[in-house]
Amino acid sequence: QVQLVESGGGLVQHGGSLRLSCAVSGLPFDGFTVGWFRQTPGKEREFVASISYNSEYPSDVDSSEGRFAISRDNAKSAVLLQMNRLKPEDTAVYYCAARQWGLQTTSRKSAEYMYWGQGTQVTVSA
């Protein structure tokens, strides 16, 4: 059974940093393309970043003025989302998701992700 568990969320001041982690289990990590999405009440889930297990495919980060970066920690079977210079508008529940095992390409479409974590709350105070 594939499981994704997010951690690292919390309350941070405007301009601060957080690093989210998504631990993946259930199948070999080196076959998963993983993405991060975020959602606020009343809005659709929004793409944040995605990274392939194949390093030949470039990772994809939504426009965040260079504040966000995605990476893999293969030793821990985890995908990290580093968020810097956080703004109140970054406040949301952040979800990690994995595509069907073996799919190499990243995607900005939530419907193309098969597995989802429970989410972690990120709150940025003004």
Foldseek 3Di string as FASTA:
>chain_A
DKAWAKDWADEAEQQAKIKMKIAIDDDQLLQKKKFKWWDDPPDDIFGAWIAFSDPVADIDGPDPVPQWDWDDDNVRSMIMIIGGSDDQVVWTWMKMFIAPGNDGYDDRDPVRTDDIHPTDTHGYHD
